[in-house]
N, C-alpha and C. Protein backbone atom coordinates (compact mmCIF):
# COMPACT_ATOMS: atom_id res chain seq x y z
N MET A 1 1.33 -20.10 17.24
CA MET A 1 0.74 -20.46 18.48
C MET A 1 -0.18 -21.95 18.07
N SER A 2 -0.11 -22.09 19.09
CA SER A 2 -1.22 -23.83 18.41
C SER A 2 -2.55 -23.65 18.59
N GLN A 3 -3.07 -23.73 18.12
CA GLN A 3 -5.08 -24.30 18.15
C GLN A 3 -5.43 -25.48 18.84
N MET A 4 -6.73 -25.48 19.89
CA MET A 4 -6.74 -26.40 20.44
C MET A 4 -7.81 -27.04 19.10
N SER A 5 -7.89 -28.30 19.54
CA SER A 5 -8.42 -29.08 18.58
C SER A 5 -10.20 -29.31 19.19
N LEU A 6 -11.26 -29.40 17.96
CA LEU A 6 -12.44 -28.83 18.54
C LEU A 6 -11.91 -30.71 19.67
N PHE A 7 -11.69 -31.18 19.23
CA PHE A 7 -11.53 -32.98 20.00
C PHE A 7 -10.43 -33.91 20.50
N SER A 8 -10.03 -32.28 21.80
CA SER A 8 -9.92 -32.19 22.24
C SER A 8 -9.59 -33.23 23.81
N ALA A 9 -8.80 -33.83 24.59
CA ALA A 9 -9.59 -34.11 25.96
C ALA A 9 -9.76 -32.89 27.12
N GLU A 10 -8.76 -31.88 26.45
CA GLU A 10 -9.40 -30.60 26.95
C GLU A 10 -10.20 -30.19 26.92
N ILE A 11 -11.57 -30.61 25.92
CA ILE A 11 -12.32 -29.99 25.61
C ILE A 11 -13.40 -30.28 26.63
N GLU A 12 -13.53 -31.66 26.93
CA GLU A 12 -14.36 -31.79 28.59
C GLU A 12 -14.31 -32.61 28.99
N ASP A 13 -15.12 -32.74 30.16
CA ASP A 13 -14.31 -34.01 31.63
C ASP A 13 -14.60 -35.73 31.24
N PRO A 14 -13.40 -35.84 31.62
CA PRO A 14 -13.60 -37.39 31.50
C PRO A 14 -14.88 -38.24 32.36
N ALA A 15 -15.58 -39.29 31.38
CA ALA A 15 -16.21 -40.50 32.32
C ALA A 15 -15.84 -41.80 32.21
N ILE A 16 -16.65 -42.34 33.31
CA ILE A 16 -16.54 -43.82 33.66
C ILE A 16 -16.27 -44.29 32.24
N ALA A 17 -16.63 -44.08 31.42
CA ALA A 17 -16.76 -44.96 30.17
C ALA A 17 -14.76 -44.88 29.33
N ASP A 18 -13.93 -43.27 29.51
CA ASP A 18 -13.49 -42.82 29.03
C ASP A 18 -11.96 -43.94 29.33
N PHE A 19 -11.65 -44.23 30.61
CA PHE A 19 -11.38 -45.51 31.86
C PHE A 19 -11.24 -46.98 30.42
N ALA A 20 -12.24 -47.32 29.78
CA ALA A 20 -12.14 -47.80 29.07
C ALA A 20 -10.09 -47.57 28.18
N GLY A 21 -9.37 -46.46 27.96
CA GLY A 21 -8.28 -45.88 27.62
C GLY A 21 -6.92 -46.45 28.51
N LEU A 22 -7.58 -47.10 29.83
CA LEU A 22 -6.85 -48.05 31.11
C LEU A 22 -6.27 -49.34 30.26
N LEU A 23 -7.78 -49.83 29.89
CA LEU A 23 -7.71 -51.27 29.38
C LEU A 23 -6.53 -51.19 28.64
N ALA A 24 -7.70 -50.15 26.86
CA ALA A 24 -6.29 -50.64 25.66
C ALA A 24 -4.82 -50.54 26.39
N ALA A 25 -4.64 -49.69 26.78
CA ALA A 25 -3.32 -50.11 27.85
C ALA A 25 -3.52 -52.47 28.62
N GLN A 26 -2.19 -51.45 29.67
CA GLN A 26 -1.85 -52.81 30.73
C GLN A 26 -2.82 -53.01 31.80
N GLY A 27 -3.74 -51.74 31.83
CA GLY A 27 -5.17 -51.83 33.06
C GLY A 27 -5.88 -52.93 33.19
N GLN A 28 -6.22 -52.89 33.92
CA GLN A 28 -7.36 -54.45 34.54
C GLN A 28 -8.10 -54.48 35.57
N SER A 29 -9.70 -54.66 35.18
CA SER A 29 -10.70 -54.68 35.58
C SER A 29 -11.27 -56.09 36.79
N VAL A 30 -11.15 -55.98 37.98
CA VAL A 30 -11.34 -56.20 38.63
C VAL A 30 -13.38 -57.02 38.98
N HIS A 31 -13.73 -57.35 38.87
CA HIS A 31 -15.58 -57.17 39.99
C HIS A 31 -15.06 -57.77 41.74
N THR A 32 -15.75 -56.63 42.32
CA THR A 32 -16.53 -57.51 43.89
C THR A 32 -17.39 -57.18 44.23
N SER A 33 -17.85 -57.54 45.62
CA SER A 33 -18.81 -57.31 46.17
C SER A 33 -19.39 -55.54 46.16
N TRP A 34 -18.35 -54.88 45.64
CA TRP A 34 -18.86 -53.49 45.78
C TRP A 34 -18.52 -52.64 44.18
N GLY A 35 -18.90 -54.06 43.84
CA GLY A 35 -18.36 -53.11 42.14
C GLY A 35 -17.52 -53.58 41.46
N ALA A 36 -16.71 -52.85 40.65
CA ALA A 36 -15.87 -52.83 39.62
C ALA A 36 -15.07 -52.27 40.04
N ARG A 37 -14.10 -52.60 39.53
CA ARG A 37 -11.98 -51.72 40.11
C ARG A 37 -11.40 -51.76 38.64
N VAL A 38 -10.90 -50.88 38.65
CA VAL A 38 -10.29 -50.21 37.43
C VAL A 38 -8.15 -49.98 37.84
N SER A 39 -7.55 -50.19 37.57
CA SER A 39 -6.29 -50.27 38.43
C SER A 39 -5.09 -51.17 36.74
N VAL A 40 -3.95 -49.51 36.68
CA VAL A 40 -3.18 -49.73 35.75
C VAL A 40 -2.12 -49.53 36.14
N VAL A 41 -0.81 -50.90 36.17
CA VAL A 41 0.62 -50.10 36.85
C VAL A 41 1.17 -49.26 35.74
N VAL A 42 2.19 -48.54 36.28
CA VAL A 42 2.91 -47.48 35.24
C VAL A 42 3.85 -47.59 36.04
N ALA A 43 4.56 -46.91 34.28
CA ALA A 43 6.26 -46.73 34.47
C ALA A 43 6.90 -45.43 36.26
N ASP A 44 6.32 -44.45 35.99
CA ASP A 44 6.75 -43.34 36.60
C ASP A 44 5.14 -42.98 37.25
N GLN A 45 5.46 -41.92 38.62
CA GLN A 45 5.40 -41.82 39.66
C GLN A 45 3.55 -40.35 38.63
N TRP A 46 4.25 -39.70 37.61
CA TRP A 46 3.87 -38.89 37.09
C TRP A 46 2.54 -39.13 36.38
N ARG A 47 3.03 -40.07 36.20
CA ARG A 47 1.46 -40.62 35.34
C ARG A 47 0.67 -41.15 36.18
N ALA A 48 0.78 -42.09 37.28
CA ALA A 48 0.15 -42.12 38.59
C ALA A 48 -1.24 -40.43 38.63
N GLU A 49 0.16 -39.98 38.90
CA GLU A 49 -1.21 -38.96 39.75
C GLU A 49 -1.75 -38.20 38.59
N GLU A 50 -1.38 -38.35 37.00
CA GLU A 50 -2.24 -37.41 36.08
C GLU A 50 -3.83 -38.40 35.43
N ILE A 51 -3.29 -39.93 36.26
CA ILE A 51 -4.62 -41.04 35.80
C ILE A 51 -5.83 -40.38 36.76
N CYS A 52 -5.42 -40.51 37.88
CA CYS A 52 -6.07 -40.42 39.66
C CYS A 52 -6.48 -39.10 39.42
N GLU A 53 -5.94 -37.85 38.53
CA GLU A 53 -6.59 -36.98 38.53
C GLU A 53 -7.83 -36.81 37.33
N GLU A 54 -7.81 -37.70 36.57
CA GLU A 54 -8.83 -38.13 35.58
C GLU A 54 -10.03 -39.09 35.65
N ILE A 55 -8.84 -39.82 36.91
CA ILE A 55 -10.78 -40.62 37.90
C ILE A 55 -11.38 -39.72 38.14
N ARG A 56 -10.53 -38.95 39.21
CA ARG A 56 -11.22 -37.88 40.45
C ARG A 56 -12.52 -36.53 39.14
N GLY A 57 -12.17 -36.58 37.94
CA GLY A 57 -12.72 -35.74 37.11
C GLY A 57 -13.93 -36.49 36.94
N ALA A 58 -13.41 -37.76 36.66
CA ALA A 58 -14.72 -38.39 36.49
C ALA A 58 -16.51 -38.29 37.41
N GLY A 59 -16.05 -38.17 38.30
CA GLY A 59 -16.65 -38.36 39.74
C GLY A 59 -16.17 -39.24 40.52
N LEU A 60 -14.65 -40.30 40.30
CA LEU A 60 -14.93 -42.10 41.64
C LEU A 60 -13.18 -41.05 42.36
N GLU A 61 -13.50 -41.69 43.05
CA GLU A 61 -12.12 -42.14 43.85
C GLU A 61 -10.70 -42.10 43.20
N ALA A 62 -10.30 -42.25 43.75
CA ALA A 62 -8.80 -42.40 43.17
C ALA A 62 -8.22 -42.92 44.62
N GLU A 63 -6.92 -43.84 43.63
CA GLU A 63 -5.00 -43.98 45.14
C GLU A 63 -4.28 -44.86 43.88
N ILE A 64 -3.15 -44.06 45.00
CA ILE A 64 -1.56 -44.42 44.29
C ILE A 64 -1.53 -45.70 44.96
N VAL A 65 -0.89 -47.20 44.54
CA VAL A 65 -0.59 -47.99 45.94
C VAL A 65 0.77 -48.49 44.72
N VAL A 66 1.38 -49.22 45.41
CA VAL A 66 2.65 -49.26 45.05
C VAL A 66 2.92 -50.73 44.37
N SER A 67 3.36 -52.04 43.53
CA SER A 67 3.34 -53.34 43.40
C SER A 67 4.55 -53.60 44.11
N GLU A 68 4.26 -55.23 44.09
CA GLU A 68 5.52 -55.87 44.55
C GLU A 68 6.89 -55.30 43.72
N GLU A 69 6.67 -55.36 42.91
CA GLU A 69 7.77 -54.53 42.20
C GLU A 69 8.44 -52.94 42.16
N GLY A 70 7.91 -52.33 43.18
CA GLY A 70 7.70 -51.24 43.77
C GLY A 70 7.45 -50.01 42.30
N HIS A 71 6.43 -50.66 41.43
CA HIS A 71 6.08 -49.37 40.00
C HIS A 71 4.70 -49.12 41.30
N PRO A 72 4.47 -47.77 40.46
CA PRO A 72 2.90 -47.20 40.72
C PRO A 72 1.60 -47.92 40.51
N ILE A 73 1.26 -47.96 40.95
CA ILE A 73 0.00 -48.62 40.24
C ILE A 73 -1.71 -47.03 40.69
N ALA A 74 -2.04 -46.80 39.78
CA ALA A 74 -3.06 -45.91 39.91
C ALA A 74 -4.27 -47.08 39.90
N ARG A 75 -5.09 -46.22 40.42
CA ARG A 75 -6.78 -47.53 40.90
C ARG A 75 -7.91 -46.40 41.10
N THR A 76 -9.05 -47.10 40.28
CA THR A 76 -10.02 -46.91 40.86
C THR A 76 -10.44 -47.36 42.38
N GLU A 77 -11.36 -46.80 43.20
CA GLU A 77 -12.14 -47.29 43.72
C GLU A 77 -13.12 -48.66 43.18
N ALA A 78 -13.19 -49.31 44.23
CA ALA A 78 -14.03 -50.64 44.13
C ALA A 78 -15.92 -49.68 44.12
N ASN A 79 -16.47 -49.46 43.03
CA ASN A 79 -18.15 -49.02 42.45
C ASN A 79 -19.26 -49.65 41.61
N PRO A 80 -19.99 -49.26 41.87
CA PRO A 80 -20.76 -50.31 40.76
C PRO A 80 -21.09 -49.75 39.48
N ARG A 81 -20.54 -48.25 39.77
CA ARG A 81 -20.60 -47.75 38.27
C ARG A 81 -20.01 -47.94 36.99
N ILE A 82 -19.08 -48.71 38.08
CA ILE A 82 -17.77 -49.46 36.22
C ILE A 82 -18.68 -50.73 36.26
N THR A 83 -19.17 -51.19 37.27
CA THR A 83 -19.44 -52.39 36.98
C THR A 83 -19.47 -52.80 35.33
N ALA A 84 -20.44 -52.01 34.47
CA ALA A 84 -20.92 -51.60 33.05
C ALA A 84 -19.93 -51.76 32.28
N LEU A 85 -18.43 -51.09 31.89
CA LEU A 85 -17.21 -51.24 31.63
C LEU A 85 -16.63 -52.19 31.56
N HIS A 86 -16.56 -52.93 33.41
CA HIS A 86 -16.08 -54.21 33.40
C HIS A 86 -16.60 -55.43 32.56
N ARG A 87 -17.61 -55.10 32.63
CA ARG A 87 -18.27 -56.37 31.77
C ARG A 87 -17.63 -56.69 30.45
N ALA A 88 -18.03 -55.16 29.45
CA ALA A 88 -17.55 -54.73 28.45
C ALA A 88 -16.07 -55.49 28.00
N TRP A 89 -15.20 -54.71 28.39
CA TRP A 89 -14.31 -55.24 28.30
C TRP A 89 -13.54 -56.71 28.65
N THR A 90 -14.90 -57.45 29.03
CA THR A 90 -14.19 -59.35 29.27
C THR A 90 -15.00 -59.77 29.34
N THR A 91 -14.66 -60.71 28.18
CA THR A 91 -15.00 -62.20 28.17
C THR A 91 -14.76 -63.16 29.11
N GLY A 92 -15.44 -63.94 29.73
CA GLY A 92 -14.99 -64.81 30.61
C GLY A 92 -14.30 -64.00 31.84
N ALA A 93 -12.45 -64.97 31.55
CA ALA A 93 -11.79 -63.77 32.61
C ALA A 93 -10.78 -63.66 31.90
N VAL A 94 -11.39 -63.05 30.21
CA VAL A 94 -10.75 -62.22 29.53
C VAL A 94 -10.51 -61.01 29.07
N LYS A 95 -9.90 -60.28 29.33
CA LYS A 95 -9.43 -58.86 28.99
C LYS A 95 -9.98 -58.74 26.27
N SER A 96 -10.99 -58.07 26.62
CA SER A 96 -11.43 -58.59 25.15
C SER A 96 -11.69 -56.52 24.46
N VAL A 97 -11.79 -56.74 23.86
CA VAL A 97 -12.21 -55.65 23.21
C VAL A 97 -13.12 -55.43 22.72
N PRO A 98 -14.30 -54.86 23.30
CA PRO A 98 -15.87 -54.56 22.77
C PRO A 98 -16.02 -54.12 21.13
N GLU A 99 -17.03 -54.80 20.64
CA GLU A 99 -16.95 -55.05 19.32
C GLU A 99 -17.40 -53.14 18.63
N GLY A 100 -16.39 -52.76 17.64
CA GLY A 100 -16.93 -51.40 17.23
C GLY A 100 -16.38 -50.53 18.23
N TRP A 101 -15.43 -50.33 19.18
CA TRP A 101 -14.63 -49.81 20.01
C TRP A 101 -14.29 -48.59 19.41
N THR A 102 -14.93 -46.86 19.72
CA THR A 102 -13.71 -46.42 19.17
C THR A 102 -13.13 -45.74 20.30
N PRO A 103 -12.07 -44.95 20.35
CA PRO A 103 -11.27 -44.48 21.78
C PRO A 103 -11.43 -42.85 21.47
N THR A 104 -12.03 -42.33 22.49
CA THR A 104 -12.80 -40.99 22.92
C THR A 104 -11.76 -40.22 23.30
N PRO A 105 -11.52 -38.82 23.14
CA PRO A 105 -10.84 -38.29 23.49
C PRO A 105 -9.70 -38.31 24.71
N HIS A 106 -10.58 -38.65 25.80
CA HIS A 106 -10.55 -38.87 26.96
C HIS A 106 -9.77 -40.15 27.03
N ALA A 107 -10.54 -41.28 26.71
CA ALA A 107 -10.21 -42.46 26.84
C ALA A 107 -8.64 -42.49 26.11
N LEU A 108 -8.68 -41.72 24.70
CA LEU A 108 -7.26 -41.65 24.69
C LEU A 108 -5.96 -41.55 25.56
N ARG A 109 -6.17 -40.52 25.65
CA ARG A 109 -5.61 -39.54 26.27
C ARG A 109 -5.00 -40.68 28.28
N LEU A 110 -6.27 -41.63 28.46
CA LEU A 110 -4.98 -42.84 29.71
C LEU A 110 -4.94 -43.20 28.71
N TRP A 111 -4.89 -43.43 28.18
CA TRP A 111 -4.18 -44.92 27.50
C TRP A 111 -2.84 -44.40 27.09
N THR A 112 -2.98 -42.80 26.65
CA THR A 112 -0.90 -42.65 26.68
C THR A 112 -0.64 -42.19 27.62
N LEU A 113 -1.53 -41.84 29.14
CA LEU A 113 -0.65 -42.13 29.77
C LEU A 113 -0.79 -43.07 30.69
N ALA A 114 -1.71 -44.08 30.36
CA ALA A 114 -0.84 -45.49 30.82
C ALA A 114 0.79 -45.77 30.09
N GLY A 115 0.38 -45.64 28.61
CA GLY A 115 1.11 -46.87 28.45
C GLY A 115 1.88 -46.20 27.77
N GLY A 116 1.99 -44.23 27.13
CA GLY A 116 2.31 -44.24 25.78
C GLY A 116 3.75 -43.85 26.03
N ARG A 117 4.63 -44.39 24.89
CA ARG A 117 6.27 -43.31 25.43
C ARG A 117 7.20 -43.22 23.65
N ALA A 118 7.90 -42.54 23.54
CA ALA A 118 8.65 -41.82 22.44
C ALA A 118 9.09 -42.88 22.08
N ASP A 119 9.08 -43.24 20.69
CA ASP A 119 10.05 -44.36 19.59
C ASP A 119 10.69 -43.52 19.12
N GLY A 120 12.46 -42.63 19.10
CA GLY A 120 13.11 -42.13 18.29
C GLY A 120 11.82 -41.17 17.87
N ALA A 121 11.76 -40.87 16.46
CA ALA A 121 10.52 -40.58 15.92
C ALA A 121 9.25 -40.58 16.07
N HIS A 122 9.23 -41.86 16.09
CA HIS A 122 7.55 -42.62 16.38
C HIS A 122 7.49 -41.89 18.11
N TYR A 123 5.77 -42.74 18.16
CA TYR A 123 5.51 -42.79 18.97
C TYR A 123 4.56 -43.98 19.31
N VAL A 124 4.85 -44.57 20.86
CA VAL A 124 3.98 -45.66 20.78
C VAL A 124 2.70 -45.90 22.01
N LEU A 125 1.56 -46.00 21.66
CA LEU A 125 1.13 -46.70 22.63
C LEU A 125 0.78 -48.15 23.31
N GLY A 126 0.91 -48.14 24.07
CA GLY A 126 1.82 -49.60 24.70
C GLY A 126 1.06 -50.65 24.68
N LEU A 127 0.18 -51.64 25.04
CA LEU A 127 -0.63 -52.92 25.08
C LEU A 127 -0.42 -53.63 25.86
N ASP A 128 -1.09 -54.17 26.43
CA ASP A 128 -0.99 -55.40 27.71
C ASP A 128 -0.96 -56.51 26.86
N PRO A 129 0.82 -56.89 27.41
CA PRO A 129 0.94 -58.25 27.10
C PRO A 129 0.94 -59.98 26.82
N THR A 130 -0.50 -59.44 28.00
CA THR A 130 -1.02 -60.21 28.73
C THR A 130 -2.28 -60.61 27.98
N ALA A 131 -2.42 -59.78 27.45
CA ALA A 131 -3.44 -59.92 26.27
C ALA A 131 -3.88 -59.86 24.79
N PRO A 132 -2.91 -60.56 24.48
CA PRO A 132 -2.66 -60.24 22.49
C PRO A 132 -4.08 -60.17 21.59
N ASP A 133 -4.63 -60.69 22.57
CA ASP A 133 -5.89 -60.95 21.79
C ASP A 133 -6.71 -59.55 21.61
N THR A 134 -6.22 -58.50 22.00
CA THR A 134 -7.40 -57.19 21.63
C THR A 134 -6.36 -56.66 21.27
N HIS A 135 -4.58 -56.83 20.10
CA HIS A 135 -3.95 -55.60 19.42
C HIS A 135 -4.75 -55.23 18.13
N ALA A 136 -5.17 -56.68 17.69
CA ALA A 136 -6.00 -56.27 16.60
C ALA A 136 -7.27 -55.52 16.14
N ALA A 137 -7.44 -55.77 17.18
CA ALA A 137 -8.62 -54.89 17.47
C ALA A 137 -8.62 -53.43 18.09
N LEU A 138 -7.90 -53.26 18.87
CA LEU A 138 -6.80 -51.38 19.38
C LEU A 138 -6.60 -50.90 18.32
N SER A 139 -5.93 -51.77 17.08
CA SER A 139 -5.03 -51.09 16.12
C SER A 139 -6.23 -50.61 15.60
N THR A 140 -7.09 -51.51 15.26
CA THR A 140 -8.97 -51.05 14.49
C THR A 140 -9.69 -49.62 14.86
N ALA A 141 -9.52 -50.09 16.42
CA ALA A 141 -10.11 -49.01 17.09
C ALA A 141 -8.88 -46.94 16.81
N LEU A 142 -8.17 -47.65 16.26
CA LEU A 142 -6.94 -46.19 16.04
C LEU A 142 -7.40 -45.56 14.93
N MET A 143 -8.21 -46.81 13.66
CA MET A 143 -7.62 -46.39 12.33
C MET A 143 -9.41 -45.45 12.40
N ARG A 144 -10.22 -46.15 13.47
CA ARG A 144 -11.45 -44.97 13.44
C ARG A 144 -11.48 -43.47 13.30
N ILE A 145 -10.58 -43.78 14.63
CA ILE A 145 -10.26 -42.36 14.81
C ILE A 145 -9.62 -41.37 13.45
N GLY A 146 -9.31 -41.66 13.04
CA GLY A 146 -7.65 -41.56 12.19
C GLY A 146 -6.33 -41.69 12.39
N ILE A 147 -5.99 -42.71 13.26
CA ILE A 147 -4.58 -42.52 13.40
C ILE A 147 -4.41 -44.43 13.23
N ALA A 148 -3.48 -44.27 12.33
CA ALA A 148 -3.18 -45.58 11.82
C ALA A 148 -2.19 -46.25 12.45
N PRO A 149 -1.70 -47.16 13.15
CA PRO A 149 -0.77 -47.42 13.64
C PRO A 149 -0.07 -48.72 12.67
N THR A 150 0.83 -49.00 13.16
CA THR A 150 1.75 -50.24 13.04
C THR A 150 2.24 -51.11 14.58
N LEU A 151 1.56 -52.31 14.92
CA LEU A 151 1.64 -53.07 15.52
C LEU A 151 4.25 -53.71 15.58
N VAL A 152 3.40 -53.29 17.10
CA VAL A 152 5.35 -53.25 16.69
C VAL A 152 5.56 -54.29 17.75
N GLY A 153 6.55 -55.22 18.34
CA GLY A 153 7.38 -56.00 19.81
C GLY A 153 5.94 -56.66 20.39
N THR A 154 5.43 -57.55 19.55
CA THR A 154 4.88 -58.48 20.11
C THR A 154 5.35 -59.54 20.46
N ARG A 155 6.82 -60.47 20.12
CA ARG A 155 7.17 -60.98 20.72
C ARG A 155 7.87 -61.24 21.56
N GLY A 156 7.52 -59.57 22.43
CA GLY A 156 8.56 -59.13 23.89
C GLY A 156 7.04 -58.74 25.11
N THR A 157 8.59 -58.15 25.39
CA THR A 157 6.84 -58.18 27.03
C THR A 157 6.73 -56.74 26.73
N HIS A 158 6.68 -55.83 25.30
CA HIS A 158 6.21 -54.19 25.64
C HIS A 158 5.52 -54.40 23.88
N PRO A 159 4.76 -54.42 23.70
CA PRO A 159 3.54 -54.33 22.56
C PRO A 159 3.07 -53.13 22.72
N GLY A 160 3.11 -52.63 21.20
CA GLY A 160 2.25 -51.52 20.49
C GLY A 160 2.15 -51.68 19.60
N LEU A 161 1.61 -50.07 19.76
CA LEU A 161 0.77 -49.75 18.46
C LEU A 161 1.90 -48.34 17.66
N ARG A 162 2.50 -48.19 17.03
CA ARG A 162 3.40 -47.42 16.76
C ARG A 162 2.78 -46.42 16.05
N VAL A 163 2.34 -45.02 16.13
CA VAL A 163 2.23 -43.93 15.37
C VAL A 163 3.63 -43.17 14.82
N SER A 164 3.17 -43.44 13.87
CA SER A 164 5.02 -42.53 12.12
C SER A 164 4.08 -42.04 11.99
N SER A 165 5.09 -40.70 11.35
CA SER A 165 4.05 -39.68 9.89
C SER A 165 3.78 -38.58 11.15
N ARG A 166 4.13 -37.19 10.83
CA ARG A 166 4.18 -36.02 11.79
C ARG A 166 2.05 -36.28 11.51
N LYS A 167 2.05 -36.27 10.72
CA LYS A 167 0.51 -35.97 10.98
C LYS A 167 -0.34 -36.57 11.53
N ARG A 168 0.22 -37.19 11.93
CA ARG A 168 -0.79 -39.04 13.20
C ARG A 168 -0.55 -38.72 14.09
N ILE A 169 1.00 -38.56 14.37
CA ILE A 169 1.66 -38.02 15.65
C ILE A 169 1.06 -36.51 16.09
N THR A 170 0.66 -35.62 14.72
CA THR A 170 -0.11 -34.38 15.33
C THR A 170 -1.72 -34.36 15.98
N ARG A 171 -2.02 -35.48 14.83
CA ARG A 171 -3.39 -35.91 15.38
C ARG A 171 -3.76 -36.39 17.22
N LEU A 172 -2.81 -37.40 17.24
CA LEU A 172 -2.99 -37.81 18.39
C LEU A 172 -2.50 -36.45 19.88
N ALA A 173 -1.20 -36.09 19.23
CA ALA A 173 -0.98 -34.76 19.73
C ALA A 173 -2.90 -33.83 20.31
N GLU A 174 -3.22 -32.98 19.03
CA GLU A 174 -4.38 -32.76 19.80
C GLU A 174 -5.55 -33.43 19.99
N THR A 175 -5.32 -34.57 19.91
CA THR A 175 -6.33 -35.36 20.44
C THR A 175 -6.34 -35.46 22.39
N VAL A 176 -5.22 -35.98 22.28
CA VAL A 176 -5.28 -35.69 24.02
C VAL A 176 -4.82 -34.87 24.60
N GLY A 177 -3.92 -33.95 24.17
CA GLY A 177 -3.99 -32.33 24.60
C GLY A 177 -2.30 -32.18 25.18
N ILE A 178 -2.23 -31.93 26.30
CA ILE A 178 -1.49 -30.81 26.24
C ILE A 178 -0.72 -31.82 27.84
N ALA A 179 0.70 -31.61 27.64
CA ALA A 179 1.53 -32.63 28.26
C ALA A 179 1.06 -32.18 29.73
N PRO A 180 0.30 -33.45 30.68
CA PRO A 180 1.10 -33.20 32.00
C PRO A 180 2.00 -31.89 32.92
N ASP A 181 1.58 -32.53 33.26
CA ASP A 181 3.23 -30.92 34.49
C ASP A 181 3.15 -32.30 34.75
N GLY A 182 4.40 -32.50 35.00
CA GLY A 182 5.85 -33.19 35.66
C GLY A 182 6.39 -34.35 34.30
N ALA A 183 5.82 -34.06 33.60
CA ALA A 183 6.00 -35.16 31.85
C ALA A 183 7.31 -34.60 31.21
N PRO A 184 8.12 -36.14 31.37
CA PRO A 184 9.39 -35.14 31.14
C PRO A 184 9.54 -35.06 29.67
N ALA A 185 10.24 -34.42 29.26
CA ALA A 185 10.52 -33.82 26.99
C ALA A 185 10.26 -35.13 26.77
N GLY A 186 9.30 -35.37 25.60
CA GLY A 186 9.47 -36.87 24.51
C GLY A 186 8.09 -37.39 24.87
N ASP A 187 8.10 -37.84 26.19
CA ASP A 187 7.32 -38.79 27.14
C ASP A 187 5.93 -38.58 26.68
N TRP A 188 5.57 -37.26 26.02
CA TRP A 188 4.81 -36.99 25.39
C TRP A 188 4.03 -37.23 24.47
N PRO A 189 3.46 -37.32 23.54
CA PRO A 189 2.94 -36.62 21.61
C PRO A 189 2.77 -35.58 21.95
N SER A 190 3.29 -35.01 20.26
CA SER A 190 3.47 -33.22 20.49
C SER A 190 3.80 -33.19 18.94
N GLY A 191 2.85 -32.63 18.52
CA GLY A 191 2.74 -32.20 16.67
C GLY A 191 3.72 -31.72 16.01
C-alpha cells in the first residue's frame, strides 16, 4: 500500500500560479484586452481533459479546441487574474522563466500532463522547442525540489528534462500524484 506524500498535488487545490507548469512545457500565454490566457497543445485528449479539470479547480473556465494539425489544445479563459503570471513568464515577446521559480506540486502535475512521457526506464518532462533559453532555468528549478534531470533532445523538435534513477522518478511520481483516468500505462510516472 502506497502512502501519499505530504508534498503531493493531491493535498491542495490548484491555483492560477500553478499554470506555470504549462508554460514550463510547450504552453503559451497571450495578453488580450480581457486579461491573459494560457494555452497548451497536447498529444492526447485525456491530457487536455485533465488540464481543463485542473484549470477549473483553480476557479477559471477552460475549454478544449483543436489545432490546425488536429491536436487538442487546452486553454484558460482570458482573465485579468492570469495577467501577473503572463508578465512573470514573459520578457518582451519571449517566454522566460522567472528568477528563482520553483514548481509547486500542481505546477509539476500540469507540466507532466502537458508534456510528460516515458523514455525506457526514464521519464521525460517536455520543454518548449521554441524557447531554448528556458531549458537551463527549468532544469535548475527541478533541482530545487530534489529532482536532478538531464537535458536531452536539444537538437531536435522534442527537447526535455530526463529524470533517471528509481529514487528521482519516485519523487516525481509522489509529487504529481496519481495518474489521471484515461492515462495509458507508462504515460505517467510511477514509483
